[in-house]
Amino acid sequence: LELTVTTIAFTLNLFAYLPAMGLGQAVGILVGQNQGKGDPDASAKVAWRGLYYAMGINGTVALFFLVMPQTLAW
């Protein structure tokens, strides 16, 4: 029983951090490209936009965790 519950928790945890990790890698690449072009303003714009997207993704996941934990665990 303990192993099953732990597996469910780890699987649900993937939904929380994998999208943010992928977004972070993409933002890092875009920031690096803009820095290479010598455009720090575009780098800042991309970084802030990535932060807003990450907050939206993590906020949505948190909302799902709060609103329907039994459904997700099922």
PDB file of N, CA and C in Angstrom:
ATOM      1  N   LEU A   1       0.822  -1.191   0.000  1.00  0.00           N
ATOM      2  CA  LEU A   1       0.000   0.000   0.000  1.00  0.00           C
ATOM      3  C   LEU A   1       0.870   1.261   0.000  1.00  0.00           C
ATOM      4  N   GLU A   2       1.919   1.248   0.816  1.00  0.00           N
ATOM      5  CA  GLU A   2       2.784   2.425   0.901  1.00  0.00           C
ATOM      6  C   GLU A   2       3.485   2.691  -0.434  1.00  0.00           C
ATOM      7  N   LEU A   3       3.915   1.632  -1.099  1.00  0.00           N
ATOM      8  CA  LEU A   3       4.580   1.788  -2.389  1.00  0.00           C
ATOM      9  C   LEU A   3       3.615   2.343  -3.435  1.00  0.00           C
ATOM     10  N   THR A   4       2.394   1.899  -3.417  1.00  0.00           N
ATOM     11  CA  THR A   4       1.392   2.389  -4.365  1.00  0.00           C
ATOM     12  C   THR A   4       1.115   3.867  -4.153  1.00  0.00           C
ATOM     13  N   VAL A   5       0.954   4.264  -2.908  1.00  0.00           N
ATOM     14  CA  VAL A   5       0.687   5.670  -2.596  1.00  0.00           C
ATOM     15  C   VAL A   5       1.883   6.545  -2.980  1.00  0.00           C
ATOM     16  N   THR A   6       3.078   6.059  -2.722  1.00  0.00           N
ATOM     17  CA  THR A   6       4.283   6.812  -3.084  1.00  0.00           C
ATOM     18  C   THR A   6       4.389   6.958  -4.593  1.00  0.00           C
ATOM     19  N   THR A   7       4.098   5.921  -5.334  1.00  0.00           N
ATOM     20  CA  THR A   7       4.138   5.972  -6.793  1.00  0.00           C
ATOM     21  C   THR A   7       3.129   6.974  -7.333  1.00  0.00           C
ATOM     22  N   ILE A   8       1.931   6.980  -6.774  1.00  0.00           N
ATOM     23  CA  ILE A   8       0.907   7.948  -7.191  1.00  0.00           C
ATOM     24  C   ILE A   8       1.377   9.371  -6.908  1.00  0.00           C
ATOM     25  N   ALA A   9       1.956   9.597  -5.741  1.00  0.00           N
ATOM     26  CA  ALA A   9       2.431  10.935  -5.383  1.00  0.00           C
ATOM     27  C   ALA A   9       3.548  11.388  -6.313  1.00  0.00           C
ATOM     28  N   PHE A  10       4.483  10.510  -6.618  1.00  0.00           N
ATOM     29  CA  PHE A  10       5.578  10.884  -7.516  1.00  0.00           C
ATOM     30  C   PHE A  10       5.073  11.141  -8.936  1.00  0.00           C
ATOM     31  N   THR A  11       4.104  10.351  -9.379  1.00  0.00           N
ATOM     32  CA  THR A  11       3.543  10.548 -10.713  1.00  0.00           C
ATOM     33  C   THR A  11       2.821  11.887 -10.807  1.00  0.00           C
ATOM     34  N   LEU A  12       2.047  12.228  -9.789  1.00  0.00           N
ATOM     35  CA  LEU A  12       1.372  13.528  -9.779  1.00  0.00           C
ATOM     36  C   LEU A  12       2.367  14.673  -9.691  1.00  0.00           C
ATOM     37  N   ASN A  13       3.470  14.437  -9.014  1.00  0.00           N
ATOM     38  CA  ASN A  13       4.498  15.466  -8.898  1.00  0.00           C
ATOM     39  C   ASN A  13       5.120  15.790 -10.258  1.00  0.00           C
ATOM     40  N   LEU A  14       5.128  14.816 -11.160  1.00  0.00           N
ATOM     41  CA  LEU A  14       5.658  15.065 -12.505  1.00  0.00           C
ATOM     42  C   LEU A  14       4.883  16.170 -13.207  1.00  0.00           C
ATOM     43  N   PHE A  15       3.574  16.222 -13.000  1.00  0.00           N
ATOM     44  CA  PHE A  15       2.755  17.252 -13.628  1.00  0.00           C
ATOM     45  C   PHE A  15       3.087  18.634 -13.097  1.00  0.00           C
ATOM     46  N   ALA A  16       3.648  18.695 -11.913  1.00  0.00           N
ATOM     47  CA  ALA A  16       3.963  19.990 -11.310  1.00  0.00           C
ATOM     48  C   ALA A  16       5.279  20.549 -11.818  1.00  0.00           C
ATOM     49  N   TYR A  17       6.296  19.712 -11.994  1.00  0.00           N
ATOM     50  CA  TYR A  17       7.597  20.297 -12.304  1.00  0.00           C
ATOM     51  C   TYR A  17       8.108  20.051 -13.713  1.00  0.00           C
ATOM     52  N   LEU A  18       7.638  19.043 -14.426  1.00  0.00           N
ATOM     53  CA  LEU A  18       8.158  18.808 -15.772  1.00  0.00           C
ATOM     54  C   LEU A  18       7.802  19.918 -16.761  1.00  0.00           C
ATOM     55  N   PRO A  19       6.567  20.412 -16.792  1.00  0.00           N
ATOM     56  CA  PRO A  19       6.292  21.516 -17.719  1.00  0.00           C
ATOM     57  C   PRO A  19       7.132  22.753 -17.423  1.00  0.00           C
ATOM     58  N   ALA A  20       7.326  23.059 -16.153  1.00  0.00           N
ATOM     59  CA  ALA A  20       8.136  24.225 -15.794  1.00  0.00           C
ATOM     60  C   ALA A  20       9.598  24.019 -16.179  1.00  0.00           C
ATOM     61  N   MET A  21      10.103  22.806 -16.054  1.00  0.00           N
ATOM     62  CA  MET A  21      11.480  22.540 -16.459  1.00  0.00           C
ATOM     63  C   MET A  21      11.653  22.709 -17.961  1.00  0.00           C
ATOM     64  N   GLY A  22      10.718  22.190 -18.736  1.00  0.00           N
ATOM     65  CA  GLY A  22      10.783  22.337 -20.185  1.00  0.00           C
ATOM     66  C   GLY A  22      10.690  23.793 -20.603  1.00  0.00           C
ATOM     67  N   LEU A  23       9.791  24.520 -19.964  1.00  0.00           N
ATOM     68  CA  LEU A  23       9.657  25.946 -20.255  1.00  0.00           C
ATOM     69  C   LEU A  23      10.933  26.693 -19.886  1.00  0.00           C
ATOM     70  N   GLY A  24      11.529  26.340 -18.767  1.00  0.00           N
ATOM     71  CA  GLY A  24      12.770  26.981 -18.345  1.00  0.00           C
ATOM     72  C   GLY A  24      13.896  26.753 -19.340  1.00  0.00           C
ATOM     73  N   GLN A  25      13.983  25.543 -19.878  1.00  0.00           N
ATOM     74  CA  GLN A  25      15.011  25.268 -20.878  1.00  0.00           C
ATOM     75  C   GLN A  25      14.771  26.078 -22.152  1.00  0.00           C
ATOM     76  N   ALA A  26      13.515  26.148 -22.570  1.00  0.00           N
ATOM     77  CA  ALA A  26      13.195  26.913 -23.776  1.00  0.00           C
ATOM     78  C   ALA A  26      13.492  28.399 -23.585  1.00  0.00           C
ATOM     79  N   VAL A  27      13.122  28.923 -22.431  1.00  0.00           N
ATOM     80  CA  VAL A  27      13.383  30.336 -22.146  1.00  0.00           C
ATOM     81  C   VAL A  27      14.888  30.587 -22.097  1.00  0.00           C
ATOM     82  N   GLY A  28      15.628  29.684 -21.496  1.00  0.00           N
ATOM     83  CA  GLY A  28      17.078  29.835 -21.442  1.00  0.00           C
ATOM     84  C   GLY A  28      17.710  29.883 -22.824  1.00  0.00           C
ATOM     85  N   ILE A  29      17.212  29.056 -23.734  1.00  0.00           N
ATOM     86  CA  ILE A  29      17.724  29.059 -25.106  1.00  0.00           C
ATOM     87  C   ILE A  29      17.404  30.382 -25.795  1.00  0.00           C
ATOM     88  N   LEU A  30      16.161  30.844 -25.641  1.00  0.00           N
ATOM     89  CA  LEU A  30      15.777  32.107 -26.286  1.00  0.00           C
ATOM     90  C   LEU A  30      16.540  33.298 -25.711  1.00  0.00           C
ATOM     91  N   VAL A  31      16.740  33.293 -24.405  1.00  0.00           N
ATOM     92  CA  VAL A  31      17.511  34.373 -23.790  1.00  0.00           C
ATOM     93  C   VAL A  31      18.951  34.344 -24.317  1.00  0.00           C
ATOM     94  N   GLY A  32      19.527  33.172 -24.403  1.00  0.00           N
ATOM     95  CA  GLY A  32      20.881  33.049 -24.921  1.00  0.00           C
ATOM     96  C   GLY A  32      20.993  33.515 -26.365  1.00  0.00           C
ATOM     97  N   GLN A  33      19.998  33.191 -27.184  1.00  0.00           N
ATOM     98  CA  GLN A  33      20.010  33.640 -28.572  1.00  0.00           C
ATOM     99  C   GLN A  33      19.923  35.164 -28.651  1.00  0.00           C
ATOM    100  N   ASN A  34      19.054  35.748 -27.840  1.00  0.00           N
ATOM    101  CA  ASN A  34      18.921  37.208 -27.850  1.00  0.00           C
ATOM    102  C   ASN A  34      20.175  37.892 -27.310  1.00  0.00           C
ATOM    103  N   GLN A  35      20.790  37.301 -26.310  1.00  0.00           N
ATOM    104  CA  GLN A  35      22.045  37.865 -25.802  1.00  0.00           C
ATOM    105  C   GLN A  35      23.132  37.782 -26.868  1.00  0.00           C
ATOM    106  N   GLY A  36      23.145  36.678 -27.610  1.00  0.00           N
ATOM    107  CA  GLY A  36      24.116  36.522 -28.683  1.00  0.00           C
ATOM    108  C   GLY A  36      23.920  37.554 -29.787  1.00  0.00           C
ATOM    109  N   LYS A  37      22.667  37.937 -30.010  1.00  0.00           N
ATOM    110  CA  LYS A  37      22.378  38.976 -31.003  1.00  0.00           C
ATOM    111  C   LYS A  37      22.669  40.369 -30.464  1.00  0.00           C
ATOM    112  N   GLY A  38      22.959  40.453 -29.178  1.00  0.00           N
ATOM    113  CA  GLY A  38      23.220  41.756 -28.569  1.00  0.00           C
ATOM    114  C   GLY A  38      21.953  42.534 -28.275  1.00  0.00           C
ATOM    115  N   ASP A  39      20.872  41.815 -27.936  1.00  0.00           N
ATOM    116  CA  ASP A  39      19.588  42.458 -27.663  1.00  0.00           C
ATOM    117  C   ASP A  39      19.127  42.124 -26.243  1.00  0.00           C
ATOM    118  N   PRO A  40      19.684  42.802 -25.239  1.00  0.00           N
ATOM    119  CA  PRO A  40      19.319  42.477 -23.861  1.00  0.00           C
ATOM    120  C   PRO A  40      17.857  42.813 -23.525  1.00  0.00           C
ATOM    121  N   ASP A  41      17.264  43.775 -24.226  1.00  0.00           N
ATOM    122  CA  ASP A  41      15.860  44.096 -23.966  1.00  0.00           C
ATOM    123  C   ASP A  41      14.944  42.931 -24.349  1.00  0.00           C
ATOM    124  N   ALA A  42      15.237  42.304 -25.488  1.00  0.00           N
ATOM    125  CA  ALA A  42      14.457  41.139 -25.898  1.00  0.00           C
ATOM    126  C   ALA A  42      14.685  39.977 -24.932  1.00  0.00           C
ATOM    127  N   SER A  43      15.900  39.850 -24.406  1.00  0.00           N
ATOM    128  CA  SER A  43      16.186  38.800 -23.422  1.00  0.00           C
ATOM    129  C   SER A  43      15.329  38.983 -22.175  1.00  0.00           C
ATOM    130  N   ALA A  44      15.258  40.208 -21.706  1.00  0.00           N
ATOM    131  CA  ALA A  44      14.451  40.488 -20.516  1.00  0.00           C
ATOM    132  C   ALA A  44      12.977  40.223 -20.784  1.00  0.00           C
ATOM    133  N   LYS A  45      12.518  40.602 -21.968  1.00  0.00           N
ATOM    134  CA  LYS A  45      11.113  40.387 -22.325  1.00  0.00           C
ATOM    135  C   LYS A  45      10.774  38.894 -22.345  1.00  0.00           C
ATOM    136  N   VAL A  46      11.673  38.101 -22.947  1.00  0.00           N
ATOM    137  CA  VAL A  46      11.467  36.644 -22.996  1.00  0.00           C
ATOM    138  C   VAL A  46      11.488  36.052 -21.591  1.00  0.00           C
ATOM    139  N   ALA A  47      12.406  36.494 -20.761  1.00  0.00           N
ATOM    140  CA  ALA A  47      12.513  35.958 -19.401  1.00  0.00           C
ATOM    141  C   ALA A  47      11.251  36.267 -18.601  1.00  0.00           C
ATOM    142  N   TRP A  48      10.761  37.498 -18.686  1.00  0.00           N
ATOM    143  CA  TRP A  48       9.551  37.837 -17.950  1.00  0.00           C
ATOM    144  C   TRP A  48       8.338  37.078 -18.475  1.00  0.00           C
ATOM    145  N   ARG A  49       8.242  36.951 -19.795  1.00  0.00           N
ATOM    146  CA  ARG A  49       7.121  36.202 -20.368  1.00  0.00           C
ATOM    147  C   ARG A  49       7.178  34.738 -19.925  1.00  0.00           C
ATOM    148  N   GLY A  50       8.381  34.165 -19.890  1.00  0.00           N
ATOM    149  CA  GLY A  50       8.530  32.792 -19.412  1.00  0.00           C
ATOM    150  C   GLY A  50       8.112  32.650 -17.963  1.00  0.00           C
ATOM    151  N   LEU A  51       8.439  33.660 -17.149  1.00  0.00           N
ATOM    152  CA  LEU A  51       8.020  33.626 -15.748  1.00  0.00           C
ATOM    153  C   LEU A  51       6.506  33.636 -15.631  1.00  0.00           C
ATOM    154  N   TYR A  52       5.853  34.479 -16.419  1.00  0.00           N
ATOM    155  CA  TYR A  52       4.385  34.544 -16.373  1.00  0.00           C
ATOM    156  C   TYR A  52       3.759  33.230 -16.819  1.00  0.00           C
ATOM    157  N   TYR A  53       4.317  32.622 -17.881  1.00  0.00           N
ATOM    158  CA  TYR A  53       3.806  31.334 -18.330  1.00  0.00           C
ATOM    159  C   TYR A  53       4.005  30.255 -17.264  1.00  0.00           C
ATOM    160  N   ALA A  54       5.172  30.253 -16.637  1.00  0.00           N
ATOM    161  CA  ALA A  54       5.444  29.257 -15.592  1.00  0.00           C
ATOM    162  C   ALA A  54       4.494  29.430 -14.414  1.00  0.00           C
ATOM    163  N   MET A  55       4.235  30.683 -14.055  1.00  0.00           N
ATOM    164  CA  MET A  55       3.288  30.923 -12.963  1.00  0.00           C
ATOM    165  C   MET A  55       1.891  30.447 -13.347  1.00  0.00           C
ATOM    166  N   GLY A  56       1.511  30.633 -14.587  1.00  0.00           N
ATOM    167  CA  GLY A  56       0.208  30.160 -15.049  1.00  0.00           C
ATOM    168  C   GLY A  56       0.107  28.645 -15.036  1.00  0.00           C
ATOM    169  N   ILE A  57       1.156  27.997 -15.516  1.00  0.00           N
ATOM    170  CA  ILE A  57       1.163  26.533 -15.536  1.00  0.00           C
ATOM    171  C   ILE A  57       1.122  25.983 -14.114  1.00  0.00           C
ATOM    172  N   ASN A  58       1.998  26.476 -13.254  1.00  0.00           N
ATOM    173  CA  ASN A  58       2.047  25.968 -11.882  1.00  0.00           C
ATOM    174  C   ASN A  58       0.800  26.343 -11.096  1.00  0.00           C
ATOM    175  N   GLY A  59       0.234  27.503 -11.375  1.00  0.00           N
ATOM    176  CA  GLY A  59      -1.022  27.880 -10.720  1.00  0.00           C
ATOM    177  C   GLY A  59      -2.160  26.958 -11.117  1.00  0.00           C
ATOM    178  N   THR A  60      -2.198  26.590 -12.392  1.00  0.00           N
ATOM    179  CA  THR A  60      -3.232  25.664 -12.860  1.00  0.00           C
ATOM    180  C   THR A  60      -3.069  24.290 -12.228  1.00  0.00           C
ATOM    181  N   VAL A  61      -1.844  23.810 -12.171  1.00  0.00           N
ATOM    182  CA  VAL A  61      -1.588  22.510 -11.548  1.00  0.00           C
ATOM    183  C   VAL A  61      -1.956  22.553 -10.062  1.00  0.00           C
ATOM    184  N   ALA A  62      -1.585  23.635  -9.381  1.00  0.00           N
ATOM    185  CA  ALA A  62      -1.935  23.769  -7.964  1.00  0.00           C
ATOM    186  C   ALA A  62      -3.445  23.794  -7.772  1.00  0.00           C
ATOM    187  N   LEU A  63      -4.141  24.465  -8.675  1.00  0.00           N
ATOM    188  CA  LEU A  63      -5.603  24.507  -8.583  1.00  0.00           C
ATOM    189  C   LEU A  63      -6.193  23.112  -8.730  1.00  0.00           C
ATOM    190  N   PHE A  64      -5.675  22.341  -9.694  1.00  0.00           N
ATOM    191  CA  PHE A  64      -6.139  20.960  -9.838  1.00  0.00           C
ATOM    192  C   PHE A  64      -5.857  20.153  -8.580  1.00  0.00           C
ATOM    193  N   PHE A  65      -4.678  20.334  -7.993  1.00  0.00           N
ATOM    194  CA  PHE A  65      -4.335  19.597  -6.778  1.00  0.00           C
ATOM    195  C   PHE A  65      -5.266  19.957  -5.629  1.00  0.00           C
ATOM    196  N   LEU A  66      -5.655  21.208  -5.552  1.00  0.00           N
ATOM    197  CA  LEU A  66      -6.525  21.648  -4.462  1.00  0.00           C
ATOM    198  C   LEU A  66      -7.987  21.277  -4.685  1.00  0.00           C
ATOM    199  N   VAL A  67      -8.435  21.378  -5.921  1.00  0.00           N
ATOM    200  CA  VAL A  67      -9.868  21.188  -6.212  1.00  0.00           C
ATOM    201  C   VAL A  67     -10.244  19.712  -6.307  1.00  0.00           C
ATOM    202  N   MET A  68      -9.406  18.910  -6.922  1.00  0.00           N
ATOM    203  CA  MET A  68      -9.787  17.514  -7.133  1.00  0.00           C
ATOM    204  C   MET A  68      -8.662  16.533  -6.820  1.00  0.00           C
ATOM    205  N   PRO A  69      -8.191  16.494  -5.596  1.00  0.00           N
ATOM    206  CA  PRO A  69      -7.093  15.570  -5.282  1.00  0.00           C
ATOM    207  C   PRO A  69      -7.520  14.090  -5.383  1.00  0.00           C
ATOM    208  N   GLN A  70      -8.739  13.791  -4.989  1.00  0.00           N
ATOM    209  CA  GLN A  70      -9.192  12.391  -5.043  1.00  0.00           C
ATOM    210  C   GLN A  70      -9.277  11.893  -6.483  1.00  0.00           C
ATOM    211  N   THR A  71      -9.760  12.745  -7.375  1.00  0.00           N
ATOM    212  CA  THR A  71      -9.873  12.360  -8.786  1.00  0.00           C
ATOM    213  C   THR A  71      -8.497  12.134  -9.397  1.00  0.00           C
ATOM    214  N   LEU A  72      -7.554  13.020  -9.074  1.00  0.00           N
ATOM    215  CA  LEU A  72      -6.196  12.861  -9.612  1.00  0.00           C
ATOM    216  C   LEU A  72      -5.533  11.608  -9.075  1.00  0.00           C
ATOM    217  N   ALA A  73      -5.729  11.310  -7.826  1.00  0.00           N
ATOM    218  CA  ALA A  73      -5.106  10.131  -7.224  1.00  0.00           C
ATOM    219  C   ALA A  73      -5.767   8.835  -7.702  1.00  0.00           C
ATOM    220  N   TRP A  74      -7.005   8.904  -8.105  1.00  0.00           N
ATOM    221  CA  TRP A  74      -7.702   7.715  -8.551  1.00  0.00           C
ATOM    222  C   TRP A  74      -7.107   7.233  -9.835  1.00  0.00           C
TER     223      TRP A  74
END
